[in-house]
């Protein structure tokens, strides 16, 4: 599986604008920013984003390719596969990313809200991530 054949949505460019909030390489292709922002986010194997919180609006993930993970603070990790949907309420600390051995892609839908923002936090501990299968 290579990044260019993962999904019907183009992979996009290296996600340099947000690189400081990821461990590993991710790619971002904003599909639209009109009305509701939707981005195709692709993760190389082992890539994951830092813990973060969506204030006010929340986020919806629509998994399109590969195998990955989602975890809310204090809860077990959820394994993700194409067709899975993750509804992330506002104010919930969480992370998501690829499995160590798989590319992973999802559409990230930003739920519109007045004053919505993201707060980027600490990286996911490599010790904890390495325990995932």
N, C-alpha and C. Protein backbone atom coordinates (compact mmCIF):
# COMPACT_ATOMS: atom_id res chain seq x y z
N UNK A 1 0.86 -1.18 0.00
CA UNK A 1 0.00 0.00 0.00
C UNK A 1 0.90 1.24 0.00
N UNK A 2 0.70 2.11 -0.96
CA UNK A 2 1.46 3.36 -0.95
C UNK A 2 0.51 4.54 -0.84
N UNK A 3 1.04 5.66 -0.46
CA UNK A 3 0.21 6.82 -0.14
C UNK A 3 -0.64 7.31 -1.30
N UNK A 4 -0.19 7.13 -2.54
CA UNK A 4 -0.93 7.66 -3.68
C UNK A 4 -2.12 6.81 -4.10
N UNK A 5 -2.25 5.61 -3.57
CA UNK A 5 -3.35 4.73 -3.93
C UNK A 5 -4.22 4.36 -2.74
N UNK A 6 -4.17 5.15 -1.70
CA UNK A 6 -4.92 4.85 -0.47
C UNK A 6 -6.40 5.12 -0.60
N UNK A 7 -6.76 6.19 -1.28
CA UNK A 7 -8.11 6.70 -1.21
C UNK A 7 -8.50 7.34 -2.54
N UNK A 8 -9.78 7.57 -2.72
CA UNK A 8 -10.24 8.31 -3.90
C UNK A 8 -9.89 9.79 -3.77
N UNK A 9 -9.56 10.24 -2.57
CA UNK A 9 -9.20 11.64 -2.35
C UNK A 9 -7.69 11.80 -2.47
N UNK A 10 -7.22 12.83 -3.17
CA UNK A 10 -5.78 13.05 -3.30
C UNK A 10 -5.12 13.25 -1.92
N UNK A 11 -3.91 12.73 -1.80
CA UNK A 11 -3.16 12.78 -0.54
C UNK A 11 -2.81 14.21 -0.15
N UNK A 12 -2.39 15.00 -1.08
CA UNK A 12 -1.98 16.36 -0.75
C UNK A 12 -0.50 16.45 -0.46
N UNK A 13 -0.11 17.58 0.07
CA UNK A 13 1.29 17.87 0.34
C UNK A 13 1.67 17.47 1.76
N UNK A 14 2.98 17.41 2.01
CA UNK A 14 3.45 17.18 3.38
C UNK A 14 2.83 18.24 4.28
N UNK A 15 2.41 17.82 5.44
CA UNK A 15 1.69 18.68 6.37
C UNK A 15 2.67 19.51 7.20
N UNK A 16 3.48 20.30 6.51
CA UNK A 16 4.53 21.07 7.19
C UNK A 16 3.98 22.11 8.15
N UNK A 17 2.82 22.68 7.85
CA UNK A 17 2.26 23.73 8.70
C UNK A 17 1.94 23.22 10.11
N UNK A 18 1.65 21.92 10.24
CA UNK A 18 1.31 21.34 11.53
C UNK A 18 2.33 20.30 11.98
N UNK A 19 3.48 20.23 11.33
CA UNK A 19 4.48 19.19 11.61
C UNK A 19 4.90 19.14 13.08
N UNK A 20 4.92 20.28 13.74
CA UNK A 20 5.35 20.30 15.14
C UNK A 20 4.36 19.57 16.06
N UNK A 21 3.16 19.28 15.57
CA UNK A 21 2.13 18.61 16.38
C UNK A 21 1.98 17.14 16.02
N UNK A 22 2.91 16.60 15.21
CA UNK A 22 2.87 15.21 14.78
C UNK A 22 4.20 14.53 15.07
N UNK A 23 4.14 13.25 15.38
CA UNK A 23 5.32 12.40 15.40
C UNK A 23 5.25 11.61 14.10
N UNK A 24 6.22 11.78 13.22
CA UNK A 24 6.20 11.14 11.91
C UNK A 24 5.62 12.08 10.87
N UNK A 25 5.52 11.55 9.65
CA UNK A 25 5.09 12.38 8.52
C UNK A 25 3.60 12.22 8.23
N UNK A 26 2.92 13.36 8.12
CA UNK A 26 1.53 13.37 7.70
C UNK A 26 1.41 14.24 6.45
N UNK A 27 0.28 14.07 5.76
CA UNK A 27 -0.01 14.82 4.53
C UNK A 27 -1.41 15.40 4.69
N UNK A 28 -1.62 16.59 4.10
CA UNK A 28 -2.90 17.26 4.24
C UNK A 28 -3.38 17.79 2.90
N UNK A 29 -4.63 17.48 2.58
CA UNK A 29 -5.29 18.03 1.40
C UNK A 29 -6.64 18.57 1.86
N UNK A 30 -6.75 19.88 1.95
CA UNK A 30 -8.03 20.48 2.32
C UNK A 30 -8.98 20.34 1.14
N UNK A 31 -10.04 19.57 1.34
CA UNK A 31 -11.01 19.32 0.28
C UNK A 31 -11.95 20.51 0.12
N UNK A 32 -12.28 21.15 1.24
CA UNK A 32 -13.08 22.38 1.20
C UNK A 32 -12.89 23.14 2.51
N UNK A 33 -13.01 24.44 2.41
CA UNK A 33 -13.02 25.29 3.60
C UNK A 33 -14.26 26.17 3.59
N UNK A 34 -15.17 25.89 2.66
CA UNK A 34 -16.42 26.65 2.55
C UNK A 34 -17.50 25.99 3.38
N UNK A 35 -18.06 26.71 4.32
CA UNK A 35 -19.12 26.18 5.17
C UNK A 35 -18.58 25.28 6.26
N UNK A 36 -18.15 24.11 5.89
CA UNK A 36 -17.57 23.14 6.83
C UNK A 36 -16.19 22.77 6.29
N UNK A 37 -15.16 22.94 7.09
CA UNK A 37 -13.80 22.58 6.66
C UNK A 37 -13.65 21.06 6.71
N UNK A 38 -13.20 20.49 5.58
CA UNK A 38 -12.96 19.05 5.50
C UNK A 38 -11.59 18.83 4.89
N UNK A 39 -10.74 18.13 5.62
CA UNK A 39 -9.40 17.84 5.13
C UNK A 39 -9.16 16.35 5.05
N UNK A 40 -8.48 15.92 4.00
CA UNK A 40 -8.02 14.55 3.89
C UNK A 40 -6.64 14.49 4.56
N UNK A 41 -6.55 13.77 5.67
CA UNK A 41 -5.30 13.67 6.41
C UNK A 41 -4.77 12.24 6.23
N UNK A 42 -3.53 12.14 5.76
CA UNK A 42 -2.90 10.84 5.53
C UNK A 42 -1.68 10.74 6.44
N UNK A 43 -1.53 9.59 7.08
CA UNK A 43 -0.45 9.34 8.02
C UNK A 43 0.43 8.20 7.51
N UNK A 44 1.74 8.40 7.50
CA UNK A 44 2.65 7.30 7.22
C UNK A 44 2.58 6.32 8.39
N UNK A 45 2.99 5.05 8.18
CA UNK A 45 3.00 4.11 9.30
C UNK A 45 3.73 4.70 10.51
N UNK A 46 3.11 4.55 11.68
CA UNK A 46 3.69 5.04 12.92
C UNK A 46 3.44 6.51 13.22
N UNK A 47 2.90 7.25 12.26
CA UNK A 47 2.66 8.68 12.47
C UNK A 47 1.39 8.88 13.29
N UNK A 48 1.46 9.81 14.22
CA UNK A 48 0.28 10.17 15.01
C UNK A 48 0.40 11.63 15.42
N UNK A 49 -0.77 12.23 15.71
CA UNK A 49 -0.73 13.61 16.16
C UNK A 49 -0.64 13.67 17.69
N UNK A 50 -0.31 14.83 18.18
CA UNK A 50 -0.25 15.05 19.63
C UNK A 50 -1.66 14.99 20.21
N UNK A 51 -1.71 14.85 21.51
CA UNK A 51 -2.98 15.05 22.21
C UNK A 51 -3.46 16.45 21.87
N UNK A 52 -4.76 16.61 21.70
CA UNK A 52 -5.30 17.93 21.40
C UNK A 52 -6.78 17.98 21.79
N UNK A 53 -7.28 19.22 21.83
CA UNK A 53 -8.67 19.47 22.21
C UNK A 53 -9.27 20.43 21.18
N UNK A 54 -10.45 20.09 20.70
CA UNK A 54 -11.21 21.00 19.84
C UNK A 54 -12.19 21.75 20.75
N UNK A 55 -11.96 23.03 20.90
CA UNK A 55 -12.83 23.83 21.75
C UNK A 55 -14.06 24.29 20.97
N UNK A 56 -15.18 24.12 21.56
CA UNK A 56 -16.51 24.54 21.08
C UNK A 56 -17.07 23.68 19.97
N UNK A 57 -16.38 23.48 18.83
CA UNK A 57 -16.98 22.82 17.69
C UNK A 57 -16.88 21.30 17.63
N UNK A 58 -15.81 20.73 18.10
CA UNK A 58 -15.62 19.30 17.97
C UNK A 58 -15.14 18.92 16.58
N UNK A 59 -15.09 17.61 16.32
CA UNK A 59 -14.56 17.10 15.07
C UNK A 59 -15.19 15.74 14.77
N UNK A 60 -15.29 15.42 13.49
CA UNK A 60 -15.75 14.09 13.06
C UNK A 60 -14.67 13.52 12.15
N UNK A 61 -14.28 12.27 12.40
CA UNK A 61 -13.32 11.57 11.55
C UNK A 61 -14.06 10.51 10.75
N UNK A 62 -13.84 10.49 9.44
CA UNK A 62 -14.39 9.47 8.56
C UNK A 62 -13.20 8.69 8.00
N UNK A 63 -13.01 7.47 8.47
CA UNK A 63 -11.83 6.69 8.09
C UNK A 63 -12.01 6.17 6.67
N UNK A 64 -11.01 6.44 5.82
CA UNK A 64 -11.09 6.05 4.41
C UNK A 64 -10.08 4.98 4.01
N UNK A 65 -9.00 4.80 4.77
CA UNK A 65 -7.98 3.85 4.34
C UNK A 65 -7.07 3.43 5.49
N UNK A 66 -6.52 2.23 5.37
CA UNK A 66 -5.50 1.76 6.30
C UNK A 66 -6.05 1.36 7.65
N UNK A 67 -5.14 1.34 8.61
CA UNK A 67 -5.47 0.97 9.99
C UNK A 67 -4.85 1.99 10.91
N UNK A 68 -5.65 2.47 11.86
CA UNK A 68 -5.15 3.49 12.77
C UNK A 68 -5.78 3.37 14.13
N UNK A 69 -5.58 4.42 14.93
CA UNK A 69 -6.05 4.44 16.31
C UNK A 69 -6.65 5.79 16.66
N UNK A 70 -7.55 5.74 17.63
CA UNK A 70 -8.12 6.94 18.23
C UNK A 70 -8.19 6.67 19.72
N UNK A 71 -7.85 7.68 20.52
CA UNK A 71 -7.95 7.51 21.97
C UNK A 71 -8.35 8.82 22.61
N UNK A 72 -9.30 8.72 23.54
CA UNK A 72 -9.65 9.84 24.40
C UNK A 72 -8.89 9.69 25.71
N UNK A 73 -8.54 10.79 26.30
CA UNK A 73 -7.80 10.81 27.56
C UNK A 73 -8.51 9.97 28.61
N UNK A 74 -7.77 9.03 29.22
CA UNK A 74 -8.32 8.19 30.28
C UNK A 74 -9.14 7.02 29.80
N UNK A 75 -9.24 6.80 28.49
CA UNK A 75 -10.03 5.71 27.93
C UNK A 75 -9.15 4.78 27.11
N UNK A 76 -9.61 3.55 26.84
CA UNK A 76 -8.82 2.64 26.02
C UNK A 76 -8.70 3.12 24.57
N UNK A 77 -7.66 2.66 23.91
CA UNK A 77 -7.44 2.97 22.49
C UNK A 77 -8.47 2.22 21.65
N UNK A 78 -8.97 2.88 20.63
CA UNK A 78 -9.91 2.27 19.68
C UNK A 78 -9.18 2.07 18.34
N UNK A 79 -9.18 0.85 17.82
CA UNK A 79 -8.58 0.59 16.52
C UNK A 79 -9.57 1.02 15.43
N UNK A 80 -9.05 1.67 14.39
CA UNK A 80 -9.90 2.21 13.33
C UNK A 80 -9.60 1.56 11.99
N UNK A 81 -10.67 1.37 11.19
CA UNK A 81 -10.58 0.76 9.86
C UNK A 81 -11.47 1.54 8.90
N UNK A 82 -11.26 1.39 7.57
CA UNK A 82 -12.10 2.10 6.62
C UNK A 82 -13.59 1.90 6.90
N UNK A 83 -14.32 2.99 6.84
CA UNK A 83 -15.75 2.97 7.13
C UNK A 83 -16.10 3.37 8.55
N UNK A 84 -15.11 3.39 9.45
CA UNK A 84 -15.38 3.81 10.83
C UNK A 84 -15.61 5.31 10.90
N UNK A 85 -16.46 5.71 11.81
CA UNK A 85 -16.75 7.11 12.06
C UNK A 85 -16.49 7.40 13.52
N UNK A 86 -15.77 8.48 13.79
CA UNK A 86 -15.48 8.89 15.16
C UNK A 86 -16.05 10.28 15.36
N UNK A 87 -16.99 10.41 16.29
CA UNK A 87 -17.55 11.71 16.66
C UNK A 87 -16.83 12.20 17.90
N UNK A 88 -16.11 13.28 17.77
CA UNK A 88 -15.32 13.81 18.88
C UNK A 88 -16.01 15.06 19.40
N UNK A 89 -16.60 14.97 20.59
CA UNK A 89 -17.27 16.15 21.14
C UNK A 89 -16.27 17.26 21.48
N UNK A 90 -16.75 18.49 21.55
CA UNK A 90 -15.87 19.57 21.98
C UNK A 90 -15.35 19.30 23.39
N UNK A 91 -14.16 19.82 23.65
CA UNK A 91 -13.53 19.79 24.97
C UNK A 91 -13.02 18.40 25.38
N UNK A 92 -12.92 17.45 24.45
CA UNK A 92 -12.42 16.11 24.76
C UNK A 92 -10.97 16.00 24.29
N UNK A 93 -10.06 15.74 25.23
CA UNK A 93 -8.65 15.56 24.91
C UNK A 93 -8.48 14.20 24.23
N UNK A 94 -7.81 14.18 23.07
CA UNK A 94 -7.69 12.95 22.29
C UNK A 94 -6.49 13.01 21.35
N UNK A 95 -6.21 11.88 20.71
CA UNK A 95 -5.22 11.81 19.62
C UNK A 95 -5.70 10.77 18.62
N UNK A 96 -5.13 10.81 17.40
CA UNK A 96 -5.41 9.80 16.38
C UNK A 96 -4.21 9.70 15.46
N UNK A 97 -4.07 8.53 14.83
CA UNK A 97 -2.95 8.33 13.91
C UNK A 97 -2.88 6.91 13.40
N UNK A 98 -1.83 6.62 12.66
CA UNK A 98 -1.64 5.34 12.00
C UNK A 98 -1.14 4.27 12.97
N UNK A 99 -1.43 3.02 12.63
CA UNK A 99 -0.81 1.89 13.31
C UNK A 99 0.67 1.86 12.91
N UNK A 100 1.51 1.21 13.70
CA UNK A 100 2.94 1.18 13.39
C UNK A 100 3.26 0.57 12.02
N UNK A 101 2.40 -0.33 11.54
CA UNK A 101 2.69 -1.07 10.31
C UNK A 101 1.74 -0.75 9.16
N UNK A 102 1.02 0.36 9.22
CA UNK A 102 0.02 0.65 8.19
C UNK A 102 -0.08 2.14 7.90
N UNK A 103 -0.25 2.47 6.62
CA UNK A 103 -0.69 3.81 6.26
C UNK A 103 -2.10 3.98 6.81
N UNK A 104 -2.53 5.21 6.98
CA UNK A 104 -3.84 5.48 7.54
C UNK A 104 -4.33 6.82 6.98
N UNK A 105 -5.60 6.88 6.62
CA UNK A 105 -6.17 8.14 6.13
C UNK A 105 -7.58 8.32 6.66
N UNK A 106 -7.92 9.57 6.95
CA UNK A 106 -9.28 9.91 7.33
C UNK A 106 -9.62 11.30 6.83
N UNK A 107 -10.91 11.52 6.66
CA UNK A 107 -11.39 12.87 6.42
C UNK A 107 -11.66 13.48 7.78
N UNK A 108 -11.10 14.64 8.02
CA UNK A 108 -11.32 15.37 9.27
C UNK A 108 -12.33 16.47 8.99
N UNK A 109 -13.47 16.38 9.63
CA UNK A 109 -14.55 17.35 9.47
C UNK A 109 -14.58 18.22 10.72
N UNK A 110 -14.36 19.50 10.53
CA UNK A 110 -14.38 20.43 11.65
C UNK A 110 -15.83 20.90 11.86
N UNK A 111 -16.36 20.64 13.02
CA UNK A 111 -17.75 21.03 13.31
C UNK A 111 -17.77 22.53 13.57
N UNK A 112 -18.52 23.28 12.76
CA UNK A 112 -18.52 24.74 12.91
C UNK A 112 -19.14 25.19 14.23
N UNK A 113 -18.54 26.19 14.83
CA UNK A 113 -19.06 26.81 16.05
C UNK A 113 -18.41 28.18 16.21
N UNK A 114 -19.14 29.11 16.75
CA UNK A 114 -18.57 30.43 17.02
C UNK A 114 -17.43 30.29 18.02
N UNK A 115 -16.29 30.83 17.67
CA UNK A 115 -15.15 30.80 18.57
C UNK A 115 -14.44 29.46 18.64
N UNK A 116 -14.69 28.56 17.69
CA UNK A 116 -14.04 27.25 17.70
C UNK A 116 -12.53 27.41 17.52
N UNK A 117 -11.78 26.54 18.22
CA UNK A 117 -10.32 26.56 18.12
C UNK A 117 -9.76 25.20 18.50
N UNK A 118 -8.49 24.99 18.16
CA UNK A 118 -7.77 23.78 18.55
C UNK A 118 -6.71 24.15 19.57
N UNK A 119 -6.53 23.29 20.54
CA UNK A 119 -5.44 23.45 21.50
C UNK A 119 -4.56 22.21 21.39
N UNK A 120 -3.33 22.42 20.92
CA UNK A 120 -2.38 21.31 20.77
C UNK A 120 -1.62 21.12 22.07
N UNK A 121 -1.49 19.86 22.47
CA UNK A 121 -0.89 19.52 23.76
C UNK A 121 0.33 18.63 23.56
N UNK A 122 0.65 17.82 24.55
CA UNK A 122 1.86 17.01 24.54
C UNK A 122 1.77 15.85 23.54
N UNK A 123 2.94 15.36 23.09
CA UNK A 123 2.96 14.19 22.20
C UNK A 123 2.46 12.93 22.92
N UNK A 124 1.96 11.99 22.14
CA UNK A 124 1.62 10.67 22.67
C UNK A 124 2.93 9.99 23.04
N UNK A 125 3.00 9.47 24.24
CA UNK A 125 4.24 8.84 24.72
C UNK A 125 4.60 7.65 23.83
N UNK A 126 5.85 7.62 23.35
CA UNK A 126 6.31 6.51 22.52
C UNK A 126 6.21 5.18 23.26
N UNK A 127 6.43 5.19 24.56
CA UNK A 127 6.34 3.97 25.37
C UNK A 127 4.93 3.40 25.31
N UNK A 128 3.92 4.25 25.41
CA UNK A 128 2.53 3.80 25.36
C UNK A 128 2.14 3.38 23.93
N UNK A 129 2.57 4.18 22.95
CA UNK A 129 2.24 3.87 21.55
C UNK A 129 2.86 2.53 21.14
N UNK A 130 4.05 2.25 21.59
CA UNK A 130 4.75 1.02 21.19
C UNK A 130 4.06 -0.24 21.73
N UNK A 131 3.17 -0.10 22.69
CA UNK A 131 2.42 -1.24 23.22
C UNK A 131 1.26 -1.65 22.31
N UNK A 132 0.89 -0.77 21.36
CA UNK A 132 -0.23 -1.07 20.47
C UNK A 132 0.19 -2.09 19.43
N UNK A 133 -0.76 -2.94 19.01
CA UNK A 133 -0.42 -3.97 18.03
C UNK A 133 -0.49 -3.47 16.61
